[in-house]
C-alpha cells in the first residue's frame, strides 16, 4: 500500500492491497478504476511536470504487474522490460525527468 499527494489538484492517492488506486479530494474517496482496479499497489509516484501518476503493481496473475501510468482519466501500462515484475518502489526526479523504480525479482534500479 502506498500514498502520494498531488498538490496541483489537491488530491491524495492511495494504493490498496487488492483494490487498485483510490483518490481523495478532501471530501470523497473515488476509485480511479481502469486496468489495475483489482491489483495490489505496492508503490506510487506523481510526476507533476506531466500530470501523471505512476503505480507499481503486484498481481497474483501477473496481468497487472509492472508500472502503470494514470493521466487523471485512464490507466495504461508503461510497458518495457519490467511489465511482468513487482515494483516495490517508485520515485520521480523532476530535475532529470526520470522515473526510478526497484524490483526485488530483478535486484536492479531502472530508469525510464
C-alpha atoms as a PDB file:
ATOM      1  CA  UNK A   1       0.000   0.000   0.000  1.00  0.00           C
ATOM      2  CA  UNK A   2       1.171   3.486  -0.775  1.00  0.00           C
ATOM      3  CA  UNK A   3       0.153   7.165  -0.610  1.00  0.00           C
ATOM      4  CA  UNK A   4       1.075  10.135  -2.795  1.00  0.00           C
ATOM      5  CA  UNK A   5      -0.214  13.727  -2.844  1.00  0.00           C
ATOM      6  CA  UNK A   6      -0.915  15.803  -5.960  1.00  0.00           C
ATOM      7  CA  UNK A   7      -0.646  19.384  -4.703  1.00  0.00           C
ATOM      8  CA  UNK A   8      -1.596  20.857  -8.090  1.00  0.00           C
ATOM      9  CA  UNK A   9      -5.077  19.336  -7.908  1.00  0.00           C
ATOM     10  CA  UNK A  10      -5.270  18.915  -4.116  1.00  0.00           C
ATOM     11  CA  UNK A  11      -5.766  15.131  -4.388  1.00  0.00           C
ATOM     12  CA  UNK A  12      -4.490  12.332  -2.195  1.00  0.00           C
ATOM     13  CA  UNK A  13      -3.989   8.989  -3.959  1.00  0.00           C
ATOM     14  CA  UNK A  14      -3.991   5.732  -2.015  1.00  0.00           C
ATOM     15  CA  UNK A  15      -2.827   2.415  -3.400  1.00  0.00           C
ATOM     16  CA  UNK A  16      -4.567  -0.558  -1.804  1.00  0.00           C
ATOM     17  CA  UNK A  17      -3.505  -4.154  -1.276  1.00  0.00           C
ATOM     18  CA  UNK A  18      -6.117  -5.578  -3.675  1.00  0.00           C
ATOM     19  CA  UNK A  19      -8.459  -2.837  -4.919  1.00  0.00           C
ATOM     20  CA  UNK A  20      -6.306  -0.592  -7.114  1.00  0.00           C
ATOM     21  CA  UNK A  21      -5.852   3.140  -6.572  1.00  0.00           C
ATOM     22  CA  UNK A  22      -8.338   5.485  -4.953  1.00  0.00           C
ATOM     23  CA  UNK A  23      -8.287   9.302  -4.869  1.00  0.00           C
ATOM     24  CA  UNK A  24      -9.482  11.630  -2.136  1.00  0.00           C
ATOM     25  CA  UNK A  25     -10.469  15.242  -2.840  1.00  0.00           C
ATOM     26  CA  UNK A  26     -10.902  16.249   0.803  1.00  0.00           C
ATOM     27  CA  UNK A  27     -14.493  15.052   0.897  1.00  0.00           C
ATOM     28  CA  UNK A  28     -14.970  11.882  -1.133  1.00  0.00           C
ATOM     29  CA  UNK A  29     -12.943   8.758  -1.954  1.00  0.00           C
ATOM     30  CA  UNK A  30     -13.291   7.677  -5.605  1.00  0.00           C
ATOM     31  CA  UNK A  31     -11.944   4.555  -7.319  1.00  0.00           C
ATOM     32  CA  UNK A  32      -9.715   5.524 -10.263  1.00  0.00           C
ATOM     33  CA  UNK A  33     -10.886   2.288 -11.958  1.00  0.00           C
ATOM     34  CA  UNK A  34      -9.314   1.050 -15.141  1.00  0.00           C
ATOM     35  CA  UNK A  35      -6.942  -1.807 -15.802  1.00  0.00           C
ATOM     36  CA  UNK A  36      -5.494  -2.021 -12.301  1.00  0.00           C
ATOM     37  CA  UNK A  37      -8.700  -1.794 -10.251  1.00  0.00           C
ATOM     38  CA  UNK A  38      -8.239  -5.278  -8.780  1.00  0.00           C
ATOM     39  CA  UNK A  39      -4.460  -5.072  -8.355  1.00  0.00           C
ATOM     40  CA  UNK A  40      -2.335  -4.734  -5.271  1.00  0.00           C
ATOM     41  CA  UNK A  41      -0.496  -1.402  -5.394  1.00  0.00           C
ATOM     42  CA  UNK A  42       2.996  -1.604  -3.966  1.00  0.00           C
ATOM     43  CA  UNK A  43       4.157   1.934  -4.758  1.00  0.00           C
ATOM     44  CA  UNK A  44       3.029   5.293  -6.154  1.00  0.00           C
ATOM     45  CA  UNK A  45       4.868   8.320  -7.568  1.00  0.00           C
ATOM     46  CA  UNK A  46       3.486  11.553  -9.033  1.00  0.00           C
ATOM     47  CA  UNK A  47       5.100  13.360 -11.981  1.00  0.00           C
ATOM     48  CA  UNK A  48       3.856  16.938 -11.542  1.00  0.00           C
ATOM     49  CA  UNK A  49       5.623  18.121 -14.700  1.00  0.00           C
ATOM     50  CA  UNK A  50       3.479  15.857 -16.881  1.00  0.00           C
ATOM     51  CA  UNK A  51       0.468  15.404 -14.535  1.00  0.00           C
ATOM     52  CA  UNK A  52       0.931  11.638 -14.455  1.00  0.00           C
ATOM     53  CA  UNK A  53       0.523   9.231 -11.554  1.00  0.00           C
ATOM     54  CA  UNK A  54       2.636   6.064 -11.664  1.00  0.00           C
ATOM     55  CA  UNK A  55       1.714   2.870  -9.832  1.00  0.00           C
ATOM     56  CA  UNK A  56       3.936  -0.119  -9.123  1.00  0.00           C
ATOM     57  CA  UNK A  57       1.653  -3.129  -9.204  1.00  0.00           C
ATOM     58  CA  UNK A  58       1.625  -6.672  -7.951  1.00  0.00           C
ATOM     59  CA  UNK A  59      -0.925  -9.071  -9.362  1.00  0.00           C
ATOM     60  CA  UNK A  60      -1.096 -12.739  -8.459  1.00  0.00           C
ATOM     61  CA  UNK A  61      -1.919 -13.470 -12.098  1.00  0.00           C
ATOM     62  CA  UNK A  62       0.840 -11.255 -13.480  1.00  0.00           C
ATOM     63  CA  UNK A  63      -1.654  -9.472 -15.739  1.00  0.00           C
ATOM     64  CA  UNK A  64      -1.449  -6.145 -13.924  1.00  0.00           C
ATOM     65  CA  UNK A  65       2.169  -6.297 -12.747  1.00  0.00           C
ATOM     66  CA  UNK A  66       4.814  -3.727 -13.598  1.00  0.00           C
ATOM     67  CA  UNK A  67       4.454   0.050 -13.838  1.00  0.00           C
ATOM     68  CA  UNK A  68       1.205   1.692 -14.907  1.00  0.00           C
ATOM     69  CA  UNK A  69       0.507   5.392 -15.509  1.00  0.00           C
ATOM     70  CA  UNK A  70      -2.649   7.410 -14.939  1.00  0.00           C
ATOM     71  CA  UNK A  71      -3.421  10.685 -16.709  1.00  0.00           C
ATOM     72  CA  UNK A  72      -6.386  11.551 -14.490  1.00  0.00           C
ATOM     73  CA  UNK A  73      -8.784   9.543 -16.636  1.00  0.00           C
ATOM     74  CA  UNK A  74      -7.160   6.383 -17.970  1.00  0.00           C
ATOM     75  CA  UNK A  75      -4.636   3.802 -16.712  1.00  0.00           C
ATOM     76  CA  UNK A  76      -2.171   2.442 -19.292  1.00  0.00           C
ATOM     77  CA  UNK A  77       0.772   0.113 -18.895  1.00  0.00           C
ATOM     78  CA  UNK A  78       4.112   1.896 -19.015  1.00  0.00           C
ATOM     79  CA  UNK A  79       5.354  -1.270 -20.751  1.00  0.00           C
ATOM     80  CA  UNK A  80       9.004  -2.019 -21.168  1.00  0.00           C
ATOM     81  CA  UNK A  81      11.126  -4.773 -19.734  1.00  0.00           C
ATOM     82  CA  UNK A  82       9.576  -4.697 -16.258  1.00  0.00           C
ATOM     83  CA  UNK A  83       5.943  -5.233 -17.175  1.00  0.00           C
ATOM     84  CA  UNK A  84       5.848  -8.674 -15.543  1.00  0.00           C
ATOM     85  CA  UNK A  85       7.606  -7.769 -12.269  1.00  0.00           C
ATOM     86  CA  UNK A  86       6.586  -6.480  -8.856  1.00  0.00           C
ATOM     87  CA  UNK A  87       7.601  -2.851  -8.416  1.00  0.00           C
ATOM     88  CA  UNK A  88       8.223  -2.135  -4.732  1.00  0.00           C
ATOM     89  CA  UNK A  89       9.413   1.432  -5.021  1.00  0.00           C
ATOM     90  CA  UNK A  90       8.835   4.328  -7.420  1.00  0.00           C
ATOM     91  CA  UNK A  91      10.242   7.848  -7.485  1.00  0.00           C
ATOM     92  CA  UNK A  92      10.123  10.753  -9.917  1.00  0.00           C
ATOM     93  CA  UNK A  93      13.137  13.034 -10.368  1.00  0.00           C
ATOM     94  CA  UNK A  94      11.821  16.274 -11.892  1.00  0.00           C
ATOM     95  CA  UNK A  95      15.303  17.709 -12.303  1.00  0.00           C
ATOM     96  CA  UNK A  96      16.229  14.995 -14.777  1.00  0.00           C
ATOM     97  CA  UNK A  97      12.734  13.975 -15.978  1.00  0.00           C
ATOM     98  CA  UNK A  98      13.447  10.400 -14.888  1.00  0.00           C
ATOM     99  CA  UNK A  99      11.259   7.824 -13.186  1.00  0.00           C
ATOM    100  CA  UNK A 100      13.128   5.338 -10.976  1.00  0.00           C
ATOM    101  CA  UNK A 101      11.813   2.017  -9.795  1.00  0.00           C
ATOM    102  CA  UNK A 102      13.051  -1.047  -7.937  1.00  0.00           C
ATOM    103  CA  UNK A 103      12.113  -4.680  -8.462  1.00  0.00           C
ATOM    104  CA  UNK A 104      13.199  -7.311  -5.908  1.00  0.00           C
ATOM    105  CA  UNK A 105      12.922 -10.046  -8.540  1.00  0.00           C
ATOM    106  CA  UNK A 106      15.490  -8.338 -10.729  1.00  0.00           C
ATOM    107  CA  UNK A 107      17.523  -6.747  -7.916  1.00  0.00           C
ATOM    108  CA  UNK A 108      18.006  -3.610 -10.014  1.00  0.00           C
ATOM    109  CA  UNK A 109      17.089   0.035 -10.152  1.00  0.00           C
ATOM    110  CA  UNK A 110      15.623   1.029 -13.508  1.00  0.00           C
ATOM    111  CA  UNK A 111      15.403   4.467 -15.057  1.00  0.00           C
ATOM    112  CA  UNK A 112      12.630   5.322 -17.505  1.00  0.00           C
END
